[in-house]
Amino acid sequence: MGRTRDAHGRIEKEIAAEKAAALGRTGERLEAALHEAREAAKRLAAEDGAADRGTLVAAYEQARARAQAARTALLIQREALGLRHHRVVDQVFPEPPGLDRLGSP
């Protein structure tokens, strides 16, 4: 009975470690997507000609959508792990602002 309990304990530890690693990878994907959205916002804010504005707006919206999808994936994964309060996610990984809140013309 002791060996079975030990084996079960090891398996539980492995499962917990994989859950933590998977959550970490999801967080890393979100960080990368948020970085991409911030960079696209910077390019949009720095653009002063109307010719490229449409392309930059589209690039920002696509980057923002990827960040929102990655953030949703993180929230779903947290929920699946029993983490129900997401205030820390809101603080650490704030949602990229919409075009109306970027402050660019």
C-alpha atoms as a PDB file:
ATOM      1  CA  MET A   1       0.000   0.000   0.000  1.00  0.00           C
ATOM      2  CA  GLY A   2       2.897   2.370   0.739  1.00  0.00           C
ATOM      3  CA  ARG A   3       4.402   2.025  -2.737  1.00  0.00           C
ATOM      4  CA  THR A   4       1.043   2.759  -4.328  1.00  0.00           C
ATOM      5  CA  ARG A   5       0.624   5.844  -2.172  1.00  0.00           C
ATOM      6  CA  ASP A   6       4.157   7.006  -3.032  1.00  0.00           C
ATOM      7  CA  ALA A   7       3.534   6.459  -6.745  1.00  0.00           C
ATOM      8  CA  HIS A   8       0.252   8.341  -6.503  1.00  0.00           C
ATOM      9  CA  GLY A   9       1.981  11.206  -4.711  1.00  0.00           C
ATOM     10  CA  ARG A  10       4.664  11.410  -7.401  1.00  0.00           C
ATOM     11  CA  ILE A  11       2.029  11.460 -10.129  1.00  0.00           C
ATOM     12  CA  GLU A  12       0.122  14.205  -8.350  1.00  0.00           C
ATOM     13  CA  LYS A  13       3.318  16.263  -8.083  1.00  0.00           C
ATOM     14  CA  GLU A  14       4.022  15.746 -11.784  1.00  0.00           C
ATOM     15  CA  ILE A  15       0.495  16.830 -12.679  1.00  0.00           C
ATOM     16  CA  ALA A  16       0.762  19.924 -10.486  1.00  0.00           C
ATOM     17  CA  ALA A  17       4.126  20.791 -12.036  1.00  0.00           C
ATOM     18  CA  GLU A  18       2.722  20.438 -15.559  1.00  0.00           C
ATOM     19  CA  LYS A  19      -0.298  22.579 -14.670  1.00  0.00           C
ATOM     20  CA  ALA A  20       2.023  25.279 -13.363  1.00  0.00           C
ATOM     21  CA  ALA A  21       4.273  25.029 -16.428  1.00  0.00           C
ATOM     22  CA  ALA A  22       1.292  25.231 -18.792  1.00  0.00           C
ATOM     23  CA  LEU A  23      -0.042  28.271 -16.954  1.00  0.00           C
ATOM     24  CA  GLY A  24       3.404  29.853 -17.191  1.00  0.00           C
ATOM     25  CA  ARG A  25       3.567  29.225 -20.941  1.00  0.00           C
ATOM     26  CA  THR A  26       0.132  30.782 -21.374  1.00  0.00           C
ATOM     27  CA  GLY A  27       1.299  33.814 -19.400  1.00  0.00           C
ATOM     28  CA  GLU A  28       4.407  34.083 -21.581  1.00  0.00           C
ATOM     29  CA  ARG A  29       2.259  34.024 -24.731  1.00  0.00           C
ATOM     30  CA  LEU A  30       0.114  36.780 -23.250  1.00  0.00           C
ATOM     31  CA  GLU A  31       3.198  38.853 -22.367  1.00  0.00           C
ATOM     32  CA  ALA A  32       4.463  38.518 -25.940  1.00  0.00           C
ATOM     33  CA  ALA A  33       1.075  39.475 -27.394  1.00  0.00           C
ATOM     34  CA  LEU A  34       0.813  42.505 -25.101  1.00  0.00           C
ATOM     35  CA  HIS A  35       4.324  43.580 -26.076  1.00  0.00           C
ATOM     36  CA  GLU A  36       3.368  43.311 -29.732  1.00  0.00           C
ATOM     37  CA  ALA A  37       0.255  45.442 -29.119  1.00  0.00           C
ATOM     38  CA  ARG A  38       2.307  48.079 -27.261  1.00  0.00           C
ATOM     39  CA  GLU A  39       4.824  48.234 -30.098  1.00  0.00           C
ATOM     40  CA  ALA A  40       2.049  48.569 -32.676  1.00  0.00           C
ATOM     41  CA  ALA A  41       0.520  51.370 -30.583  1.00  0.00           C
ATOM     42  CA  LYS A  42       3.889  53.166 -30.498  1.00  0.00           C
ATOM     43  CA  ARG A  43       4.241  52.909 -34.273  1.00  0.00           C
ATOM     44  CA  LEU A  44       0.710  54.231 -34.685  1.00  0.00           C
ATOM     45  CA  ALA A  45       1.310  57.144 -32.328  1.00  0.00           C
ATOM     46  CA  ALA A  46       4.562  58.057 -34.096  1.00  0.00           C
ATOM     47  CA  GLU A  47       3.030  57.971 -37.591  1.00  0.00           C
ATOM     48  CA  ASP A  48       2.366  61.454 -38.916  1.00  0.00           C
ATOM     49  CA  GLY A  49       1.229  60.757 -42.477  1.00  0.00           C
ATOM     50  CA  ALA A  50      -2.264  59.665 -43.409  1.00  0.00           C
ATOM     51  CA  ALA A  51      -0.972  57.221 -46.051  1.00  0.00           C
ATOM     52  CA  ASP A  52       0.259  54.620 -43.564  1.00  0.00           C
ATOM     53  CA  ARG A  53      -2.323  55.243 -40.868  1.00  0.00           C
ATOM     54  CA  GLY A  54      -4.805  52.651 -42.153  1.00  0.00           C
ATOM     55  CA  THR A  55      -2.132  49.967 -42.262  1.00  0.00           C
ATOM     56  CA  LEU A  56      -0.926  50.852 -38.760  1.00  0.00           C
ATOM     57  CA  VAL A  57      -4.481  50.909 -37.395  1.00  0.00           C
ATOM     58  CA  ALA A  58      -5.100  47.459 -38.870  1.00  0.00           C
ATOM     59  CA  ALA A  59      -1.816  46.162 -37.421  1.00  0.00           C
ATOM     60  CA  TYR A  60      -2.710  47.523 -33.990  1.00  0.00           C
ATOM     61  CA  GLU A  61      -6.203  46.046 -34.081  1.00  0.00           C
ATOM     62  CA  GLN A  62      -4.795  42.648 -35.066  1.00  0.00           C
ATOM     63  CA  ALA A  63      -2.179  42.783 -32.308  1.00  0.00           C
ATOM     64  CA  ARG A  64      -4.843  43.886 -29.826  1.00  0.00           C
ATOM     65  CA  ALA A  65      -7.114  41.016 -30.872  1.00  0.00           C
ATOM     66  CA  ARG A  66      -4.262  38.510 -30.390  1.00  0.00           C
ATOM     67  CA  ALA A  67      -3.574  39.964 -26.942  1.00  0.00           C
ATOM     68  CA  GLN A  68      -7.241  39.748 -26.006  1.00  0.00           C
ATOM     69  CA  ALA A  69      -7.392  36.127 -27.174  1.00  0.00           C
ATOM     70  CA  ALA A  70      -4.246  35.271 -25.202  1.00  0.00           C
ATOM     71  CA  ARG A  71      -5.666  37.007 -22.128  1.00  0.00           C
ATOM     72  CA  THR A  72      -8.924  35.076 -22.461  1.00  0.00           C
ATOM     73  CA  ALA A  73      -6.952  31.831 -22.755  1.00  0.00           C
ATOM     74  CA  LEU A  74      -5.097  32.680 -19.544  1.00  0.00           C
ATOM     75  CA  LEU A  75      -8.332  33.451 -17.704  1.00  0.00           C
ATOM     76  CA  ILE A  76      -9.925  30.201 -18.900  1.00  0.00           C
ATOM     77  CA  GLN A  77      -6.884  28.208 -17.847  1.00  0.00           C
ATOM     78  CA  ARG A  78      -6.882  29.887 -14.431  1.00  0.00           C
ATOM     79  CA  GLU A  79     -10.581  29.063 -14.033  1.00  0.00           C
ATOM     80  CA  ALA A  80      -9.900  25.445 -14.955  1.00  0.00           C
ATOM     81  CA  LEU A  81      -7.285  25.313 -12.202  1.00  0.00           C
ATOM     82  CA  GLY A  82      -9.748  26.710  -9.675  1.00  0.00           C
ATOM     83  CA  LEU A  83      -8.354  30.247  -9.621  1.00  0.00           C
ATOM     84  CA  ARG A  84     -11.530  32.309  -9.641  1.00  0.00           C
ATOM     85  CA  HIS A  85     -10.272  35.799  -8.803  1.00  0.00           C
ATOM     86  CA  HIS A  86      -8.499  37.551 -11.645  1.00  0.00           C
ATOM     87  CA  ARG A  87      -7.661  40.927 -10.137  1.00  0.00           C
ATOM     88  CA  VAL A  88      -3.948  40.134 -10.350  1.00  0.00           C
ATOM     89  CA  VAL A  89      -4.345  39.370 -14.066  1.00  0.00           C
ATOM     90  CA  ASP A  90      -6.024  42.744 -14.542  1.00  0.00           C
ATOM     91  CA  GLN A  91      -3.115  44.430 -12.767  1.00  0.00           C
ATOM     92  CA  VAL A  92      -0.240  42.531 -14.361  1.00  0.00           C
ATOM     93  CA  PHE A  93      -1.724  42.039 -17.833  1.00  0.00           C
ATOM     94  CA  PRO A  94      -4.023  44.993 -18.535  1.00  0.00           C
ATOM     95  CA  GLU A  95      -6.084  44.788 -21.678  1.00  0.00           C
ATOM     96  CA  PRO A  96      -4.694  46.914 -24.527  1.00  0.00           C
ATOM     97  CA  PRO A  97      -6.784  50.053 -25.015  1.00  0.00           C
ATOM     98  CA  GLY A  98      -9.114  50.514 -27.934  1.00  0.00           C
ATOM     99  CA  LEU A  99      -8.215  52.997 -30.650  1.00  0.00           C
ATOM    100  CA  ASP A 100     -10.446  55.607 -29.021  1.00  0.00           C
ATOM    101  CA  ARG A 101      -8.271  55.501 -25.884  1.00  0.00           C
ATOM    102  CA  LEU A 102      -4.831  55.458 -27.510  1.00  0.00           C
ATOM    103  CA  GLY A 103      -4.616  59.235 -27.655  1.00  0.00           C
ATOM    104  CA  SER A 104      -3.604  59.357 -31.282  1.00  0.00           C
ATOM    105  CA  PRO A 105      -5.502  61.497 -33.795  1.00  0.00           C
END
